[in-house]
PDB file of all heavy atoms in Angstrom:
ATOM      1  N   SER A   1      97.542  72.718 124.291  1.00  0.00           N
ATOM      2  CA  SER A   1      98.664  72.621 123.351  1.00  0.00           C
ATOM      3  C   SER A   1      98.274  71.846 122.100  1.00  0.00           C
ATOM      4  O   SER A   1      98.631  72.231 120.987  1.00  0.00           O
ATOM      5  CB  SER A   1      99.862  71.952 124.030  1.00  0.00           C
ATOM      6  OG  SER A   1     100.296  72.716 125.119  1.00  0.00           O
ATOM      7  N   THR A   2      97.548  70.751 122.296  1.00  0.00           N
ATOM      8  CA  THR A   2      97.116  69.958 121.151  1.00  0.00           C
ATOM      9  C   THR A   2      96.199  70.779 120.246  1.00  0.00           C
ATOM     10  O   THR A   2      96.386  70.818 119.022  1.00  0.00           O
ATOM     11  CB  THR A   2      96.404  68.673 121.635  1.00  0.00           C
ATOM     12  OG1 THR A   2      97.307  67.941 122.482  1.00  0.00           O
ATOM     13  CG2 THR A   2      95.985  67.805 120.474  1.00  0.00           C
ATOM     14  N   VAL A   3      95.243  71.462 120.844  1.00  0.00           N
ATOM     15  CA  VAL A   3      94.333  72.308 120.079  1.00  0.00           C
ATOM     16  C   VAL A   3      95.086  73.504 119.488  1.00  0.00           C
ATOM     17  O   VAL A   3      94.794  73.947 118.375  1.00  0.00           O
ATOM     18  CB  VAL A   3      93.147  72.761 120.961  1.00  0.00           C
ATOM     19  CG1 VAL A   3      92.318  73.827 120.274  1.00  0.00           C
ATOM     20  CG2 VAL A   3      92.289  71.561 121.334  1.00  0.00           C
ATOM     21  N   GLY A   4      96.083  74.009 120.218  1.00  0.00           N
ATOM     22  CA  GLY A   4      96.868  75.141 119.738  1.00  0.00           C
ATOM     23  C   GLY A   4      97.584  74.856 118.428  1.00  0.00           C
ATOM     24  O   GLY A   4      97.690  75.723 117.561  1.00  0.00           O
ATOM     25  N   VAL A   5      98.077  73.630 118.279  1.00  0.00           N
ATOM     26  CA  VAL A   5      98.725  73.256 117.022  1.00  0.00           C
ATOM     27  C   VAL A   5      97.723  73.363 115.867  1.00  0.00           C
ATOM     28  O   VAL A   5      98.040  73.919 114.814  1.00  0.00           O
ATOM     29  CB  VAL A   5      99.324  71.827 117.104  1.00  0.00           C
ATOM     30  CG1 VAL A   5      99.818  71.363 115.741  1.00  0.00           C
ATOM     31  CG2 VAL A   5     100.463  71.786 118.118  1.00  0.00           C
ATOM     32  N   LYS A   6      96.525  72.865 116.081  1.00  0.00           N
ATOM     33  CA  LYS A   6      95.487  72.944 115.039  1.00  0.00           C
ATOM     34  C   LYS A   6      95.128  74.400 114.736  1.00  0.00           C
ATOM     35  O   LYS A   6      95.035  74.801 113.578  1.00  0.00           O
ATOM     36  CB  LYS A   6      94.238  72.165 115.479  1.00  0.00           C
ATOM     37  CG  LYS A   6      93.073  72.254 114.521  1.00  0.00           C
ATOM     38  CD  LYS A   6      93.365  71.597 113.199  1.00  0.00           C
ATOM     39  CE  LYS A   6      92.129  71.623 112.297  1.00  0.00           C
ATOM     40  NZ  LYS A   6      92.424  71.224 110.945  1.00  0.00           N
ATOM     41  N   ILE A   7      94.942  75.191 115.783  1.00  0.00           N
ATOM     42  CA  ILE A   7      94.608  76.609 115.597  1.00  0.00           C
ATOM     43  C   ILE A   7      95.708  77.321 114.824  1.00  0.00           C
ATOM     44  O   ILE A   7      95.445  78.086 113.901  1.00  0.00           O
ATOM     45  CB  ILE A   7      94.333  77.291 116.946  1.00  0.00           C
ATOM     46  CG1 ILE A   7      93.014  76.768 117.531  1.00  0.00           C
ATOM     47  CG2 ILE A   7      94.291  78.811 116.802  1.00  0.00           C
ATOM     48  CD1 ILE A   7      92.755  77.212 118.957  1.00  0.00           C
ATOM     49  N   GLY A   8      96.960  77.048 115.190  1.00  0.00           N
ATOM     50  CA  GLY A   8      98.086  77.664 114.490  1.00  0.00           C
ATOM     51  C   GLY A   8      98.134  77.261 113.039  1.00  0.00           C
ATOM     52  O   GLY A   8      98.432  78.078 112.167  1.00  0.00           O
ATOM     53  N   ASN A   9      97.830  76.000 112.765  1.00  0.00           N
ATOM     54  CA  ASN A   9      97.840  75.519 111.392  1.00  0.00           C
ATOM     55  C   ASN A   9      96.744  76.178 110.564  1.00  0.00           C
ATOM     56  O   ASN A   9      96.923  76.439 109.386  1.00  0.00           O
ATOM     57  CB  ASN A   9      97.688  73.989 111.384  1.00  0.00           C
ATOM     58  CG  ASN A   9      97.911  73.409 110.014  1.00  0.00           C
ATOM     59  OD1 ASN A   9      96.970  73.005 109.362  1.00  0.00           O
ATOM     60  ND2 ASN A   9      99.162  73.403 109.581  1.00  0.00           N
ATOM     61  N   VAL A  10      95.625  76.483 111.193  1.00  0.00           N
ATOM     62  CA  VAL A  10      94.494  77.072 110.477  1.00  0.00           C
ATOM     63  C   VAL A  10      94.570  78.606 110.444  1.00  0.00           C
ATOM     64  O   VAL A  10      94.400  79.225 109.416  1.00  0.00           O
ATOM     65  CB  VAL A  10      93.150  76.613 111.098  1.00  0.00           C
ATOM     66  CG1 VAL A  10      91.976  77.341 110.471  1.00  0.00           C
ATOM     67  CG2 VAL A  10      92.991  75.108 110.959  1.00  0.00           C
ATOM     68  N   PHE A  11      94.827  79.224 111.602  1.00  0.00           N
ATOM     69  CA  PHE A  11      94.714  80.680 111.717  1.00  0.00           C
ATOM     70  C   PHE A  11      96.036  81.436 111.802  1.00  0.00           C
ATOM     71  O   PHE A  11      96.048  82.645 111.696  1.00  0.00           O
ATOM     72  CB  PHE A  11      93.884  81.050 112.956  1.00  0.00           C
ATOM     73  CG  PHE A  11      92.467  80.593 112.873  1.00  0.00           C
ATOM     74  CD1 PHE A  11      92.034  79.538 113.654  1.00  0.00           C
ATOM     75  CD2 PHE A  11      91.571  81.190 112.014  1.00  0.00           C
ATOM     76  CE1 PHE A  11      90.723  79.092 113.592  1.00  0.00           C
ATOM     77  CE2 PHE A  11      90.257  80.760 111.938  1.00  0.00           C
ATOM     78  CZ  PHE A  11      89.837  79.708 112.730  1.00  0.00           C
ATOM     79  N   GLY A  12      97.128  80.754 112.072  1.00  0.00           N
ATOM     80  CA  GLY A  12      98.412  81.442 112.159  1.00  0.00           C
ATOM     81  C   GLY A  12      98.615  82.171 113.475  1.00  0.00           C
ATOM     82  O   GLY A  12      98.120  81.766 114.510  1.00  0.00           O
ATOM     83  N   LEU A  13      99.320  83.285 113.416  1.00  0.00           N
ATOM     84  CA  LEU A  13      99.756  84.005 114.615  1.00  0.00           C
ATOM     85  C   LEU A  13      98.685  84.892 115.246  1.00  0.00           C
ATOM     86  O   LEU A  13      98.947  85.560 116.244  1.00  0.00           O
ATOM     87  CB  LEU A  13     100.980  84.862 114.295  1.00  0.00           C
ATOM     88  CG  LEU A  13     102.250  84.086 113.958  1.00  0.00           C
ATOM     89  CD1 LEU A  13     103.346  85.047 113.515  1.00  0.00           C
ATOM     90  CD2 LEU A  13     102.700  83.266 115.137  1.00  0.00           C
ATOM     91  N   LYS A  14      97.501  84.908 114.708  1.00  0.00           N
ATOM     92  CA  LYS A  14      96.458  85.821 115.168  1.00  0.00           C
ATOM     93  C   LYS A  14      96.195  85.722 116.680  1.00  0.00           C
ATOM     94  O   LYS A  14      95.965  86.722 117.339  1.00  0.00           O
ATOM     95  CB  LYS A  14      95.174  85.535 114.395  1.00  0.00           C
ATOM     96  CG  LYS A  14      94.034  86.453 114.731  1.00  0.00           C
ATOM     97  CD  LYS A  14      92.815  86.127 113.875  1.00  0.00           C
ATOM     98  CE  LYS A  14      91.681  87.062 114.208  1.00  0.00           C
ATOM     99  NZ  LYS A  14      90.491  86.772 113.436  1.00  0.00           N
ATOM    100  N   PHE A  15      96.235  84.508 117.249  1.00  0.00           N
ATOM    101  CA  PHE A  15      95.867  84.315 118.643  1.00  0.00           C
ATOM    102  C   PHE A  15      97.051  84.218 119.602  1.00  0.00           C
ATOM    103  O   PHE A  15      96.864  84.184 120.809  1.00  0.00           O
ATOM    104  CB  PHE A  15      95.006  83.058 118.791  1.00  0.00           C
ATOM    105  CG  PHE A  15      93.699  83.157 118.064  1.00  0.00           C
ATOM    106  CD1 PHE A  15      93.472  82.401 116.932  1.00  0.00           C
ATOM    107  CD2 PHE A  15      92.714  84.021 118.500  1.00  0.00           C
ATOM    108  CE1 PHE A  15      92.278  82.497 116.243  1.00  0.00           C
ATOM    109  CE2 PHE A  15      91.513  84.124 117.818  1.00  0.00           C
ATOM    110  CZ  PHE A  15      91.294  83.362 116.689  1.00  0.00           C
ATOM    111  N   LYS A  16      98.289  84.156 119.092  1.00  0.00           N
ATOM    112  CA  LYS A  16      99.458  83.940 119.936  1.00  0.00           C
ATOM    113  C   LYS A  16      99.604  85.020 121.003  1.00  0.00           C
ATOM    114  O   LYS A  16      99.673  84.731 122.195  1.00  0.00           O
ATOM    115  CB  LYS A  16     100.721  83.862 119.093  1.00  0.00           C
ATOM    116  CG  LYS A  16     101.981  83.669 119.912  1.00  0.00           C
ATOM    117  CD  LYS A  16     103.210  83.743 119.028  1.00  0.00           C
ATOM    118  CE  LYS A  16     104.468  83.575 119.819  1.00  0.00           C
ATOM    119  NZ  LYS A  16     104.744  84.667 120.736  1.00  0.00           N
ATOM    120  N   ALA A  17      99.648  86.265 120.602  1.00  0.00           N
ATOM    121  CA  ALA A  17      99.842  87.364 121.560  1.00  0.00           C
ATOM    122  C   ALA A  17      98.669  87.476 122.519  1.00  0.00           C
ATOM    123  O   ALA A  17      98.847  87.732 123.709  1.00  0.00           O
ATOM    124  CB  ALA A  17     100.057  88.683 120.818  1.00  0.00           C
ATOM    125  N   LYS A  18      97.461  87.261 122.027  1.00  0.00           N
ATOM    126  CA  LYS A  18      96.283  87.339 122.897  1.00  0.00           C
ATOM    127  C   LYS A  18      96.303  86.248 123.958  1.00  0.00           C
ATOM    128  O   LYS A  18      95.916  86.475 125.104  1.00  0.00           O
ATOM    129  CB  LYS A  18      95.008  87.255 122.059  1.00  0.00           C
ATOM    130  CG  LYS A  18      94.795  88.481 121.204  1.00  0.00           C
ATOM    131  CD  LYS A  18      93.581  88.349 120.323  1.00  0.00           C
ATOM    132  CE  LYS A  18      93.481  89.589 119.435  1.00  0.00           C
ATOM    133  NZ  LYS A  18      92.500  89.483 118.409  1.00  0.00           N
ATOM    134  N   ALA A  19      96.775  85.063 123.597  1.00  0.00           N
ATOM    135  CA  ALA A  19      96.858  83.963 124.561  1.00  0.00           C
ATOM    136  C   ALA A  19      97.877  84.283 125.654  1.00  0.00           C
ATOM    137  O   ALA A  19      97.610  84.084 126.844  1.00  0.00           O
ATOM    138  CB  ALA A  19      97.230  82.663 123.850  1.00  0.00           C
ATOM    139  N   GLU A  20      99.043  84.790 125.269  1.00  0.00           N
ATOM    140  CA  GLU A  20     100.057  85.148 126.260  1.00  0.00           C
ATOM    141  C   GLU A  20      99.567  86.283 127.159  1.00  0.00           C
ATOM    142  O   GLU A  20      99.782  86.260 128.371  1.00  0.00           O
ATOM    143  CB  GLU A  20     101.366  85.553 125.576  1.00  0.00           C
ATOM    144  CG  GLU A  20     102.131  84.373 125.036  1.00  0.00           C
ATOM    145  CD  GLU A  20     103.448  84.765 124.406  1.00  0.00           C
ATOM    146  OE1 GLU A  20     103.584  85.894 123.888  1.00  0.00           O
ATOM    147  OE2 GLU A  20     104.344  83.924 124.432  1.00  0.00           O
ATOM    148  N   MET A  21      98.909  87.265 126.583  1.00  0.00           N
ATOM    149  CA  MET A  21      98.378  88.388 127.360  1.00  0.00           C
ATOM    150  C   MET A  21      97.343  87.886 128.375  1.00  0.00           C
ATOM    151  O   MET A  21      97.389  88.248 129.552  1.00  0.00           O
ATOM    152  CB  MET A  21      97.744  89.420 126.419  1.00  0.00           C
ATOM    153  CG  MET A  21      97.124  90.613 127.122  1.00  0.00           C
ATOM    154  SD  MET A  21      98.331  91.753 127.819  1.00  0.00           S
ATOM    155  CE  MET A  21      98.888  92.538 126.333  1.00  0.00           C
ATOM    156  N   ALA A  22      96.427  87.058 127.929  1.00  0.00           N
ATOM    157  CA  ALA A  22      95.385  86.526 128.824  1.00  0.00           C
ATOM    158  C   ALA A  22      96.011  85.717 129.954  1.00  0.00           C
ATOM    159  O   ALA A  22      95.617  85.852 131.126  1.00  0.00           O
ATOM    160  CB  ALA A  22      94.400  85.661 128.035  1.00  0.00           C
ATOM    161  N   GLY A  23      96.987  84.883 129.633  1.00  0.00           N
ATOM    162  CA  GLY A  23      97.656  84.089 130.664  1.00  0.00           C
ATOM    163  C   GLY A  23      98.338  84.959 131.704  1.00  0.00           C
ATOM    164  O   GLY A  23      98.254  84.701 132.910  1.00  0.00           O
ATOM    165  N   GLY A  24      99.011  85.998 131.262  1.00  0.00           N
ATOM    166  CA  GLY A  24      99.680  86.914 132.192  1.00  0.00           C
ATOM    167  C   GLY A  24      98.701  87.625 133.106  1.00  0.00           C
ATOM    168  O   GLY A  24      98.919  87.729 134.316  1.00  0.00           O
ATOM    169  N   ILE A  25      97.619  88.108 132.545  1.00  0.00           N
ATOM    170  CA  ILE A  25      96.603  88.808 133.348  1.00  0.00           C
ATOM    171  C   ILE A  25      95.987  87.860 134.372  1.00  0.00           C
ATOM    172  O   ILE A  25      95.803  88.228 135.542  1.00  0.00           O
ATOM    173  CB  ILE A  25      95.531  89.431 132.425  1.00  0.00           C
ATOM    174  CG1 ILE A  25      96.141  90.596 131.632  1.00  0.00           C
ATOM    175  CG2 ILE A  25      94.320  89.889 133.225  1.00  0.00           C
ATOM    176  CD1 ILE A  25      95.269  91.116 130.502  1.00  0.00           C
ATOM    177  N   ILE A  26      95.698  86.631 133.957  1.00  0.00           N
ATOM    178  CA  ILE A  26      95.110  85.648 134.877  1.00  0.00           C
ATOM    179  C   ILE A  26      96.038  85.395 136.060  1.00  0.00           C
ATOM    180  O   ILE A  26      95.603  85.385 137.218  1.00  0.00           O
ATOM    181  CB  ILE A  26      94.797  84.337 134.125  1.00  0.00           C
ATOM    182  CG1 ILE A  26      93.598  84.531 133.198  1.00  0.00           C
ATOM    183  CG2 ILE A  26      94.547  83.186 135.103  1.00  0.00           C
ATOM    184  CD1 ILE A  26      93.381  83.396 132.218  1.00  0.00           C
ATOM    185  N   LEU A  27      97.335  85.194 135.801  1.00  0.00           N
ATOM    186  CA  LEU A  27      98.268  84.914 136.900  1.00  0.00           C
ATOM    187  C   LEU A  27      98.412  86.113 137.839  1.00  0.00           C
ATOM    188  O   LEU A  27      98.477  85.945 139.067  1.00  0.00           O
ATOM    189  CB  LEU A  27      99.625  84.481 136.348  1.00  0.00           C
ATOM    190  CG  LEU A  27      99.631  83.123 135.647  1.00  0.00           C
ATOM    191  CD1 LEU A  27     101.011  82.799 135.115  1.00  0.00           C
ATOM    192  CD2 LEU A  27      99.144  82.014 136.575  1.00  0.00           C
ATOM    193  N   ILE A  28      98.441  87.314 137.308  1.00  0.00           N
ATOM    194  CA  ILE A  28      98.524  88.514 138.160  1.00  0.00           C
ATOM    195  C   ILE A  28      97.280  88.630 139.030  1.00  0.00           C
ATOM    196  O   ILE A  28      97.374  88.898 140.243  1.00  0.00           O
ATOM    197  CB  ILE A  28      98.737  89.781 137.306  1.00  0.00           C
ATOM    198  CG1 ILE A  28     100.153  89.782 136.715  1.00  0.00           C
ATOM    199  CG2 ILE A  28      98.496  91.045 138.133  1.00  0.00           C
ATOM    200  CD1 ILE A  28     100.399  90.866 135.689  1.00  0.00           C
ATOM    201  N   LEU A  29      96.107  88.416 138.450  1.00  0.00           N
ATOM    202  CA  LEU A  29      94.866  88.481 139.235  1.00  0.00           C
ATOM    203  C   LEU A  29      94.836  87.422 140.333  1.00  0.00           C
ATOM    204  O   LEU A  29      94.386  87.703 141.461  1.00  0.00           O
ATOM    205  CB  LEU A  29      93.648  88.342 138.317  1.00  0.00           C
ATOM    206  CG  LEU A  29      93.401  89.528 137.374  1.00  0.00           C
ATOM    207  CD1 LEU A  29      92.262  89.214 136.411  1.00  0.00           C
ATOM    208  CD2 LEU A  29      93.131  90.800 138.153  1.00  0.00           C
ATOM    209  N   MET A  30      95.330  86.219 140.038  1.00  0.00           N
ATOM    210  CA  MET A  30      95.388  85.184 141.077  1.00  0.00           C
ATOM    211  C   MET A  30      96.358  85.591 142.186  1.00  0.00           C
ATOM    212  O   MET A  30      96.111  85.324 143.362  1.00  0.00           O
ATOM    213  CB  MET A  30      95.806  83.834 140.478  1.00  0.00           C
ATOM    214  CG  MET A  30      94.703  83.162 139.682  1.00  0.00           C
ATOM    215  SD  MET A  30      93.159  82.913 140.593  1.00  0.00           S
ATOM    216  CE  MET A  30      93.680  81.776 141.844  1.00  0.00           C
ATOM    217  N   GLY A  31      97.454  86.240 141.829  1.00  0.00           N
ATOM    218  CA  GLY A  31      98.396  86.735 142.838  1.00  0.00           C
ATOM    219  C   GLY A  31      97.737  87.740 143.761  1.00  0.00           C
ATOM    220  O   GLY A  31      97.889  87.678 144.989  1.00  0.00           O
ATOM    221  N   PHE A  32      96.990  88.677 143.196  1.00  0.00           N
ATOM    222  CA  PHE A  32      96.274  89.658 144.019  1.00  0.00           C
ATOM    223  C   PHE A  32      95.225  88.985 144.894  1.00  0.00           C
ATOM    224  O   PHE A  32      95.065  89.338 146.062  1.00  0.00           O
ATOM    225  CB  PHE A  32      95.612  90.736 143.138  1.00  0.00           C
ATOM    226  CG  PHE A  32      96.519  91.872 142.798  1.00  0.00           C
ATOM    227  CD1 PHE A  32      97.086  91.964 141.536  1.00  0.00           C
ATOM    228  CD2 PHE A  32      96.817  92.844 143.738  1.00  0.00           C
ATOM    229  CE1 PHE A  32      97.939  93.019 141.218  1.00  0.00           C
ATOM    230  CE2 PHE A  32      97.658  93.908 143.426  1.00  0.00           C
ATOM    231  CZ  PHE A  32      98.221  93.989 142.171  1.00  0.00           C
ATOM    232  N   LYS A  33      94.521  88.004 144.355  1.00  0.00           N
ATOM    233  CA  LYS A  33      93.511  87.293 145.130  1.00  0.00           C
ATOM    234  C   LYS A  33      94.136  86.612 146.351  1.00  0.00           C
ATOM    235  O   LYS A  33      93.623  86.714 147.464  1.00  0.00           O
ATOM    236  CB  LYS A  33      92.791  86.262 144.266  1.00  0.00           C
ATOM    237  CG  LYS A  33      91.712  85.515 145.025  1.00  0.00           C
ATOM    238  CD  LYS A  33      91.271  84.289 144.260  1.00  0.00           C
ATOM    239  CE  LYS A  33      90.337  83.437 145.055  1.00  0.00           C
ATOM    240  NZ  LYS A  33      90.928  82.860 146.247  1.00  0.00           N
ATOM    241  N   ILE A  34      95.258  85.925 146.136  1.00  0.00           N
ATOM    242  CA  ILE A  34      95.942  85.255 147.252  1.00  0.00           C
ATOM    243  C   ILE A  34      96.377  86.267 148.293  1.00  0.00           C
ATOM    244  O   ILE A  34      96.172  86.077 149.498  1.00  0.00           O
ATOM    245  CB  ILE A  34      97.149  84.444 146.723  1.00  0.00           C
ATOM    246  CG1 ILE A  34      96.652  83.233 145.932  1.00  0.00           C
ATOM    247  CG2 ILE A  34      98.068  84.009 147.858  1.00  0.00           C
ATOM    248  CD1 ILE A  34      97.724  82.540 145.114  1.00  0.00           C
ATOM    249  N   LEU A  35      96.973  87.367 147.853  1.00  0.00           N
ATOM    250  CA  LEU A  35      97.424  88.394 148.781  1.00  0.00           C
ATOM    251  C   LEU A  35      96.249  88.985 149.558  1.00  0.00           C
ATOM    252  O   LEU A  35      96.293  89.096 150.794  1.00  0.00           O
ATOM    253  CB  LEU A  35      98.158  89.507 148.021  1.00  0.00           C
ATOM    254  CG  LEU A  35      98.649  90.684 148.879  1.00  0.00           C
ATOM    255  CD1 LEU A  35      99.712  90.221 149.862  1.00  0.00           C
ATOM    256  CD2 LEU A  35      99.159  91.793 147.992  1.00  0.00           C
TER     257      LEU A  35
END
């Protein structure tokens, strides 16, 4: 989060959607692994 503020200040919205997408994929993969 701390680094995210800096990234947002420098680069804007470029990474927002990619970060959310990556987080979602990671959690789904962990769910499959547990199952």
